[in-house]
């Protein structure tokens, strides 16, 4: 088995064994620290003990940035939706993310108690990977990103997560991933029957205070007591 990605791990209730997990993927040029500081801001009242896992993407040359080496889940060849996509890089990161999910299962957390989350490029990887898993997840959180390799999704997705709740959020003034790309991804997923919860906020490529509250509500929905009773 390949070595797991380096990562930061935080427990929502230190000292109490986690029974759920959130694997949260950062954006281009960032690392696992990017969202680790958000955990204390989440209202997780009513949720079980959650292990938050923030992996660090490997550093690779990024074409869009002149070949500069930086943390990235895959190469970016262009910003618009018509640019060629790094399918091989996306699939390589998909395997690394699957290994992280399998690691949580090996530690005693069932697949259906795991949320796969991501921001920007991490959002793309969360959607790509989550829809191709053979086991049902608790939910997918897709923040300020898009569905990569969208033309392959219908043929490559698996039934296990056909009805998994998907939380999508985007800034109306995002200059990096324009909201139209997010809306196109939302519509493509909805057309395939995926239950998408769409949220737009008056922000750029960032996280909005109201979004934090909505993320908290989503985690309660898919990991809270009512979710366990279903």
C-alpha atoms as a PDB file:
ATOM      1  CA  UNK A   1       0.000   0.000   0.000  1.00  0.00           C
ATOM      2  CA  UNK A   2       1.308   3.473  -0.838  1.00  0.00           C
ATOM      3  CA  UNK A   3       2.205   5.900   1.926  1.00  0.00           C
ATOM      4  CA  UNK A   4      -0.713   8.024   3.112  1.00  0.00           C
ATOM      5  CA  UNK A   5      -0.605  11.745   2.404  1.00  0.00           C
ATOM      6  CA  UNK A   6       0.770  13.846   5.266  1.00  0.00           C
ATOM      7  CA  UNK A   7      -2.071  15.479   7.126  1.00  0.00           C
ATOM      8  CA  UNK A   8      -3.318  17.430  10.118  1.00  0.00           C
ATOM      9  CA  UNK A   9      -5.877  15.713  12.343  1.00  0.00           C
ATOM     10  CA  UNK A  10      -8.168  17.445  14.836  1.00  0.00           C
ATOM     11  CA  UNK A  11     -10.745  15.857  17.114  1.00  0.00           C
ATOM     12  CA  UNK A  12     -13.975  17.745  17.786  1.00  0.00           C
ATOM     13  CA  UNK A  13     -14.157  16.150  21.235  1.00  0.00           C
ATOM     14  CA  UNK A  14     -10.575  15.434  22.345  1.00  0.00           C
ATOM     15  CA  UNK A  15     -10.358  12.401  24.607  1.00  0.00           C
ATOM     16  CA  UNK A  16     -13.502  10.813  23.164  1.00  0.00           C
ATOM     17  CA  UNK A  17     -13.026   8.318  20.313  1.00  0.00           C
ATOM     18  CA  UNK A  18     -14.289   9.713  17.009  1.00  0.00           C
ATOM     19  CA  UNK A  19     -17.215   7.892  15.406  1.00  0.00           C
ATOM     20  CA  UNK A  20     -17.353  10.093  12.293  1.00  0.00           C
ATOM     21  CA  UNK A  21     -14.812  11.816  10.068  1.00  0.00           C
ATOM     22  CA  UNK A  22     -14.554  14.796   7.745  1.00  0.00           C
ATOM     23  CA  UNK A  23     -11.743  14.673   5.189  1.00  0.00           C
ATOM     24  CA  UNK A  24     -11.229  18.254   3.988  1.00  0.00           C
ATOM     25  CA  UNK A  25      -9.148  19.031   0.881  1.00  0.00           C
ATOM     26  CA  UNK A  26      -7.462  22.418   0.463  1.00  0.00           C
ATOM     27  CA  UNK A  27      -7.159  24.527  -2.679  1.00  0.00           C
ATOM     28  CA  UNK A  28      -4.303  25.186  -5.089  1.00  0.00           C
ATOM     29  CA  UNK A  29      -1.146  26.511  -3.434  1.00  0.00           C
ATOM     30  CA  UNK A  30      -2.451  26.016   0.120  1.00  0.00           C
ATOM     31  CA  UNK A  31      -2.043  23.106   2.519  1.00  0.00           C
ATOM     32  CA  UNK A  32      -3.943  21.308   5.247  1.00  0.00           C
ATOM     33  CA  UNK A  33      -3.572  24.256   7.605  1.00  0.00           C
ATOM     34  CA  UNK A  34      -5.871  26.317   5.399  1.00  0.00           C
ATOM     35  CA  UNK A  35      -9.123  25.062   6.925  1.00  0.00           C
ATOM     36  CA  UNK A  36      -7.935  23.506  10.182  1.00  0.00           C
ATOM     37  CA  UNK A  37      -8.570  26.819  11.954  1.00  0.00           C
ATOM     38  CA  UNK A  38     -12.223  26.670  10.933  1.00  0.00           C
ATOM     39  CA  UNK A  39     -13.054  23.686  13.139  1.00  0.00           C
ATOM     40  CA  UNK A  40     -13.474  25.698  16.381  1.00  0.00           C
ATOM     41  CA  UNK A  41     -15.860  28.033  14.543  1.00  0.00           C
ATOM     42  CA  UNK A  42     -18.244  25.216  13.602  1.00  0.00           C
ATOM     43  CA  UNK A  43     -21.333  24.609  15.723  1.00  0.00           C
ATOM     44  CA  UNK A  44     -21.250  20.827  16.102  1.00  0.00           C
ATOM     45  CA  UNK A  45     -23.758  20.590  18.948  1.00  0.00           C
ATOM     46  CA  UNK A  46     -25.653  17.335  18.500  1.00  0.00           C
ATOM     47  CA  UNK A  47     -22.928  15.755  16.381  1.00  0.00           C
ATOM     48  CA  UNK A  48     -20.905  12.737  17.516  1.00  0.00           C
ATOM     49  CA  UNK A  49     -17.157  13.064  18.095  1.00  0.00           C
ATOM     50  CA  UNK A  50     -15.697  13.898  14.670  1.00  0.00           C
ATOM     51  CA  UNK A  51     -12.135  13.485  13.438  1.00  0.00           C
ATOM     52  CA  UNK A  52     -11.244  16.234  10.956  1.00  0.00           C
ATOM     53  CA  UNK A  53      -8.514  15.216   8.534  1.00  0.00           C
ATOM     54  CA  UNK A  54      -6.733  17.928   6.527  1.00  0.00           C
ATOM     55  CA  UNK A  55      -4.290  16.334   4.067  1.00  0.00           C
ATOM     56  CA  UNK A  56      -1.474  18.173   2.301  1.00  0.00           C
ATOM     57  CA  UNK A  57      -1.415  17.798  -1.491  1.00  0.00           C
ATOM     58  CA  UNK A  58       1.968  16.999  -3.069  1.00  0.00           C
ATOM     59  CA  UNK A  59       3.922  19.862  -4.649  1.00  0.00           C
ATOM     60  CA  UNK A  60       3.993  19.720  -8.452  1.00  0.00           C
ATOM     61  CA  UNK A  61       4.694  22.163 -11.322  1.00  0.00           C
ATOM     62  CA  UNK A  62       1.532  24.107 -12.205  1.00  0.00           C
ATOM     63  CA  UNK A  63       1.289  25.156 -15.850  1.00  0.00           C
ATOM     64  CA  UNK A  64      -1.072  28.077 -15.185  1.00  0.00           C
ATOM     65  CA  UNK A  65       1.541  29.583 -12.866  1.00  0.00           C
ATOM     66  CA  UNK A  66       4.435  29.261 -15.283  1.00  0.00           C
ATOM     67  CA  UNK A  67       5.470  25.832 -14.048  1.00  0.00           C
ATOM     68  CA  UNK A  68       6.017  27.090 -10.504  1.00  0.00           C
ATOM     69  CA  UNK A  69       6.088  24.171  -8.047  1.00  0.00           C
ATOM     70  CA  UNK A  70       3.344  24.387  -5.428  1.00  0.00           C
ATOM     71  CA  UNK A  71       0.906  22.156  -3.538  1.00  0.00           C
ATOM     72  CA  UNK A  72      -1.723  20.966  -6.020  1.00  0.00           C
ATOM     73  CA  UNK A  73      -4.049  18.027  -6.446  1.00  0.00           C
ATOM     74  CA  UNK A  74      -3.500  18.184 -10.231  1.00  0.00           C
ATOM     75  CA  UNK A  75      -2.050  20.497 -12.862  1.00  0.00           C
ATOM     76  CA  UNK A  76      -4.109  23.499 -13.986  1.00  0.00           C
ATOM     77  CA  UNK A  77      -3.724  24.218 -17.686  1.00  0.00           C
ATOM     78  CA  UNK A  78      -6.194  27.120 -17.868  1.00  0.00           C
ATOM     79  CA  UNK A  79      -8.818  28.891 -15.781  1.00  0.00           C
ATOM     80  CA  UNK A  80     -11.843  28.600 -18.041  1.00  0.00           C
ATOM     81  CA  UNK A  81     -14.020  25.550 -18.383  1.00  0.00           C
ATOM     82  CA  UNK A  82     -12.909  24.828 -21.952  1.00  0.00           C
ATOM     83  CA  UNK A  83      -9.203  24.347 -21.088  1.00  0.00           C
ATOM     84  CA  UNK A  84      -7.795  20.824 -21.216  1.00  0.00           C
ATOM     85  CA  UNK A  85      -7.849  19.046 -17.867  1.00  0.00           C
ATOM     86  CA  UNK A  86      -5.132  16.984 -16.206  1.00  0.00           C
ATOM     87  CA  UNK A  87      -7.036  13.703 -16.110  1.00  0.00           C
ATOM     88  CA  UNK A  88      -3.992  11.660 -15.062  1.00  0.00           C
ATOM     89  CA  UNK A  89      -3.248  14.016 -12.176  1.00  0.00           C
ATOM     90  CA  UNK A  90      -6.879  14.008 -11.048  1.00  0.00           C
ATOM     91  CA  UNK A  91      -6.960  10.206 -11.071  1.00  0.00           C
ATOM     92  CA  UNK A  92      -3.672   9.982  -9.158  1.00  0.00           C
ATOM     93  CA  UNK A  93      -5.035  12.239  -6.412  1.00  0.00           C
ATOM     94  CA  UNK A  94      -8.297  10.275  -6.448  1.00  0.00           C
ATOM     95  CA  UNK A  95      -6.351   7.182  -5.405  1.00  0.00           C
ATOM     96  CA  UNK A  96      -4.538   9.085  -2.646  1.00  0.00           C
ATOM     97  CA  UNK A  97      -7.848  10.403  -1.292  1.00  0.00           C
ATOM     98  CA  UNK A  98      -9.432   6.952  -1.437  1.00  0.00           C
ATOM     99  CA  UNK A  99      -6.513   5.691   0.657  1.00  0.00           C
ATOM    100  CA  UNK A 100      -7.294   8.330   3.293  1.00  0.00           C
ATOM    101  CA  UNK A 101     -10.932   7.230   3.350  1.00  0.00           C
ATOM    102  CA  UNK A 102      -9.901   3.567   3.668  1.00  0.00           C
ATOM    103  CA  UNK A 103      -7.586   4.565   6.517  1.00  0.00           C
ATOM    104  CA  UNK A 104     -10.495   6.056   8.457  1.00  0.00           C
ATOM    105  CA  UNK A 105     -12.505   2.889   7.884  1.00  0.00           C
ATOM    106  CA  UNK A 106      -9.560   0.825   9.145  1.00  0.00           C
ATOM    107  CA  UNK A 107      -9.628   3.004  12.281  1.00  0.00           C
ATOM    108  CA  UNK A 108     -13.235   2.042  12.900  1.00  0.00           C
ATOM    109  CA  UNK A 109     -15.274   4.741  11.156  1.00  0.00           C
ATOM    110  CA  UNK A 110     -17.790   3.368   8.612  1.00  0.00           C
ATOM    111  CA  UNK A 111     -17.914   4.803   5.106  1.00  0.00           C
ATOM    112  CA  UNK A 112     -21.401   6.192   5.757  1.00  0.00           C
ATOM    113  CA  UNK A 113     -20.068   8.254   8.683  1.00  0.00           C
ATOM    114  CA  UNK A 114     -17.489  10.040   6.524  1.00  0.00           C
ATOM    115  CA  UNK A 115     -17.937  13.419   4.809  1.00  0.00           C
ATOM    116  CA  UNK A 116     -15.599  14.303   1.940  1.00  0.00           C
ATOM    117  CA  UNK A 117     -15.107  18.067   1.682  1.00  0.00           C
ATOM    118  CA  UNK A 118     -12.989  20.407  -0.391  1.00  0.00           C
ATOM    119  CA  UNK A 119     -12.377  24.028  -1.377  1.00  0.00           C
ATOM    120  CA  UNK A 120     -11.612  25.153  -4.955  1.00  0.00           C
ATOM    121  CA  UNK A 121      -9.317  22.486  -6.431  1.00  0.00           C
ATOM    122  CA  UNK A 122     -10.074  20.416  -3.346  1.00  0.00           C
ATOM    123  CA  UNK A 123     -13.786  20.834  -4.138  1.00  0.00           C
ATOM    124  CA  UNK A 124     -13.156  19.398  -7.592  1.00  0.00           C
ATOM    125  CA  UNK A 125     -11.401  16.396  -6.046  1.00  0.00           C
ATOM    126  CA  UNK A 126     -14.153  15.864  -3.460  1.00  0.00           C
ATOM    127  CA  UNK A 127     -16.805  15.722  -6.182  1.00  0.00           C
ATOM    128  CA  UNK A 128     -14.707  13.601  -8.536  1.00  0.00           C
ATOM    129  CA  UNK A 129     -13.690  11.080  -5.888  1.00  0.00           C
ATOM    130  CA  UNK A 130     -16.917  10.932  -3.914  1.00  0.00           C
ATOM    131  CA  UNK A 131     -19.074  10.098  -6.916  1.00  0.00           C
ATOM    132  CA  UNK A 132     -16.731   7.245  -7.937  1.00  0.00           C
ATOM    133  CA  UNK A 133     -16.608   5.473  -4.586  1.00  0.00           C
ATOM    134  CA  UNK A 134     -18.180   2.005  -4.334  1.00  0.00           C
ATOM    135  CA  UNK A 135     -19.311   2.733  -0.755  1.00  0.00           C
ATOM    136  CA  UNK A 136     -21.854   5.321   0.372  1.00  0.00           C
ATOM    137  CA  UNK A 137     -20.528   8.398   2.161  1.00  0.00           C
ATOM    138  CA  UNK A 138     -22.458  10.516   4.667  1.00  0.00           C
ATOM    139  CA  UNK A 139     -22.116  13.600   2.464  1.00  0.00           C
ATOM    140  CA  UNK A 140     -19.970  15.658   0.108  1.00  0.00           C
ATOM    141  CA  UNK A 141     -19.110  19.335   0.696  1.00  0.00           C
ATOM    142  CA  UNK A 142     -18.099  21.213  -2.444  1.00  0.00           C
ATOM    143  CA  UNK A 143     -16.930  24.770  -1.735  1.00  0.00           C
ATOM    144  CA  UNK A 144     -16.059  27.376  -4.380  1.00  0.00           C
ATOM    145  CA  UNK A 145     -15.138  24.845  -7.036  1.00  0.00           C
ATOM    146  CA  UNK A 146     -16.469  22.816  -9.915  1.00  0.00           C
ATOM    147  CA  UNK A 147     -17.050  19.295 -11.223  1.00  0.00           C
ATOM    148  CA  UNK A 148     -13.920  18.190 -13.115  1.00  0.00           C
ATOM    149  CA  UNK A 149     -14.023  15.846 -16.107  1.00  0.00           C
ATOM    150  CA  UNK A 150     -17.762  16.488 -16.156  1.00  0.00           C
ATOM    151  CA  UNK A 151     -18.228  14.680 -19.469  1.00  0.00           C
ATOM    152  CA  UNK A 152     -17.096  11.442 -17.801  1.00  0.00           C
ATOM    153  CA  UNK A 153     -19.200  11.689 -14.661  1.00  0.00           C
ATOM    154  CA  UNK A 154     -22.320   9.924 -15.911  1.00  0.00           C
ATOM    155  CA  UNK A 155     -20.365   6.878 -17.119  1.00  0.00           C
ATOM    156  CA  UNK A 156     -17.821   6.692 -14.277  1.00  0.00           C
ATOM    157  CA  UNK A 157     -19.973   7.470 -11.225  1.00  0.00           C
ATOM    158  CA  UNK A 158     -21.137   4.580  -9.082  1.00  0.00           C
ATOM    159  CA  UNK A 159     -24.573   3.947  -7.661  1.00  0.00           C
ATOM    160  CA  UNK A 160     -23.378   3.962  -4.036  1.00  0.00           C
ATOM    161  CA  UNK A 161     -23.391   7.783  -3.831  1.00  0.00           C
ATOM    162  CA  UNK A 162     -26.191   8.515  -6.272  1.00  0.00           C
ATOM    163  CA  UNK A 163     -28.331   9.853  -3.412  1.00  0.00           C
ATOM    164  CA  UNK A 164     -25.653  11.183  -1.074  1.00  0.00           C
ATOM    165  CA  UNK A 165     -26.357  14.795  -0.012  1.00  0.00           C
ATOM    166  CA  UNK A 166     -24.064  17.307  -1.738  1.00  0.00           C
ATOM    167  CA  UNK A 167     -23.538  20.733  -0.159  1.00  0.00           C
ATOM    168  CA  UNK A 168     -22.349  23.251  -2.762  1.00  0.00           C
ATOM    169  CA  UNK A 169     -21.321  26.816  -1.914  1.00  0.00           C
ATOM    170  CA  UNK A 170     -19.935  29.622  -4.073  1.00  0.00           C
ATOM    171  CA  UNK A 171     -19.140  33.317  -3.936  1.00  0.00           C
ATOM    172  CA  UNK A 172     -21.120  35.567  -6.256  1.00  0.00           C
ATOM    173  CA  UNK A 173     -18.006  37.695  -6.844  1.00  0.00           C
ATOM    174  CA  UNK A 174     -15.463  34.866  -7.166  1.00  0.00           C
ATOM    175  CA  UNK A 175     -12.765  35.953  -9.669  1.00  0.00           C
ATOM    176  CA  UNK A 176     -10.848  32.634  -9.502  1.00  0.00           C
ATOM    177  CA  UNK A 177     -13.600  30.091 -10.131  1.00  0.00           C
ATOM    178  CA  UNK A 178     -16.434  32.204 -11.503  1.00  0.00           C
ATOM    179  CA  UNK A 179     -19.840  31.352 -10.100  1.00  0.00           C
ATOM    180  CA  UNK A 180     -21.042  30.293 -13.563  1.00  0.00           C
ATOM    181  CA  UNK A 181     -18.713  27.281 -13.350  1.00  0.00           C
ATOM    182  CA  UNK A 182     -20.194  26.350 -10.003  1.00  0.00           C
ATOM    183  CA  UNK A 183     -23.715  26.739 -11.348  1.00  0.00           C
ATOM    184  CA  UNK A 184     -22.901  24.598 -14.387  1.00  0.00           C
ATOM    185  CA  UNK A 185     -21.559  21.892 -12.086  1.00  0.00           C
ATOM    186  CA  UNK A 186     -24.645  22.134  -9.864  1.00  0.00           C
ATOM    187  CA  UNK A 187     -26.917  21.778 -12.877  1.00  0.00           C
ATOM    188  CA  UNK A 188     -24.924  18.848 -14.272  1.00  0.00           C
ATOM    189  CA  UNK A 189     -25.155  17.007 -10.954  1.00  0.00           C
ATOM    190  CA  UNK A 190     -28.856  17.777 -10.579  1.00  0.00           C
ATOM    191  CA  UNK A 191     -29.488  16.493 -14.120  1.00  0.00           C
ATOM    192  CA  UNK A 192     -27.941  13.178 -13.042  1.00  0.00           C
ATOM    193  CA  UNK A 193     -30.311  13.055 -10.063  1.00  0.00           C
ATOM    194  CA  UNK A 194     -27.859  14.017  -7.320  1.00  0.00           C
ATOM    195  CA  UNK A 195     -29.459  15.875  -4.366  1.00  0.00           C
ATOM    196  CA  UNK A 196     -27.581  19.182  -4.393  1.00  0.00           C
ATOM    197  CA  UNK A 197     -28.016  21.859  -1.717  1.00  0.00           C
ATOM    198  CA  UNK A 198     -26.876  25.093  -3.383  1.00  0.00           C
ATOM    199  CA  UNK A 199     -25.720  28.179  -1.459  1.00  0.00           C
ATOM    200  CA  UNK A 200     -24.404  31.464  -2.891  1.00  0.00           C
ATOM    201  CA  UNK A 201     -22.770  34.161  -0.776  1.00  0.00           C
ATOM    202  CA  UNK A 202     -21.673  37.775  -1.396  1.00  0.00           C
ATOM    203  CA  UNK A 203     -17.950  37.003  -1.379  1.00  0.00           C
ATOM    204  CA  UNK A 204     -14.965  36.321  -3.601  1.00  0.00           C
ATOM    205  CA  UNK A 205     -12.832  33.137  -3.459  1.00  0.00           C
ATOM    206  CA  UNK A 206     -13.171  32.730   0.287  1.00  0.00           C
ATOM    207  CA  UNK A 207     -15.437  31.523   3.089  1.00  0.00           C
ATOM    208  CA  UNK A 208     -18.386  33.604   4.306  1.00  0.00           C
ATOM    209  CA  UNK A 209     -19.539  33.733   7.967  1.00  0.00           C
ATOM    210  CA  UNK A 210     -23.006  32.588   6.913  1.00  0.00           C
ATOM    211  CA  UNK A 211     -21.388  29.728   5.022  1.00  0.00           C
ATOM    212  CA  UNK A 212     -19.784  28.500   8.259  1.00  0.00           C
ATOM    213  CA  UNK A 213     -23.230  28.347   9.856  1.00  0.00           C
ATOM    214  CA  UNK A 214     -24.611  26.490   6.820  1.00  0.00           C
ATOM    215  CA  UNK A 215     -21.698  24.015   6.887  1.00  0.00           C
ATOM    216  CA  UNK A 216     -22.431  23.393  10.570  1.00  0.00           C
ATOM    217  CA  UNK A 217     -26.091  22.709   9.744  1.00  0.00           C
ATOM    218  CA  UNK A 218     -25.093  20.330   6.938  1.00  0.00           C
ATOM    219  CA  UNK A 219     -22.763  18.359   9.204  1.00  0.00           C
ATOM    220  CA  UNK A 220     -25.546  18.084  11.776  1.00  0.00           C
ATOM    221  CA  UNK A 221     -27.883  16.894   9.010  1.00  0.00           C
ATOM    222  CA  UNK A 222     -25.640  14.117   7.727  1.00  0.00           C
ATOM    223  CA  UNK A 223     -23.740  13.154  10.902  1.00  0.00           C
ATOM    224  CA  UNK A 224     -26.051  14.152  13.761  1.00  0.00           C
ATOM    225  CA  UNK A 225     -28.367  12.011  15.834  1.00  0.00           C
ATOM    226  CA  UNK A 226     -31.209  12.152  13.309  1.00  0.00           C
ATOM    227  CA  UNK A 227     -28.892  10.876  10.568  1.00  0.00           C
ATOM    228  CA  UNK A 228     -27.922   7.893  12.703  1.00  0.00           C
ATOM    229  CA  UNK A 229     -31.569   7.072  13.314  1.00  0.00           C
ATOM    230  CA  UNK A 230     -32.363   6.822   9.606  1.00  0.00           C
END
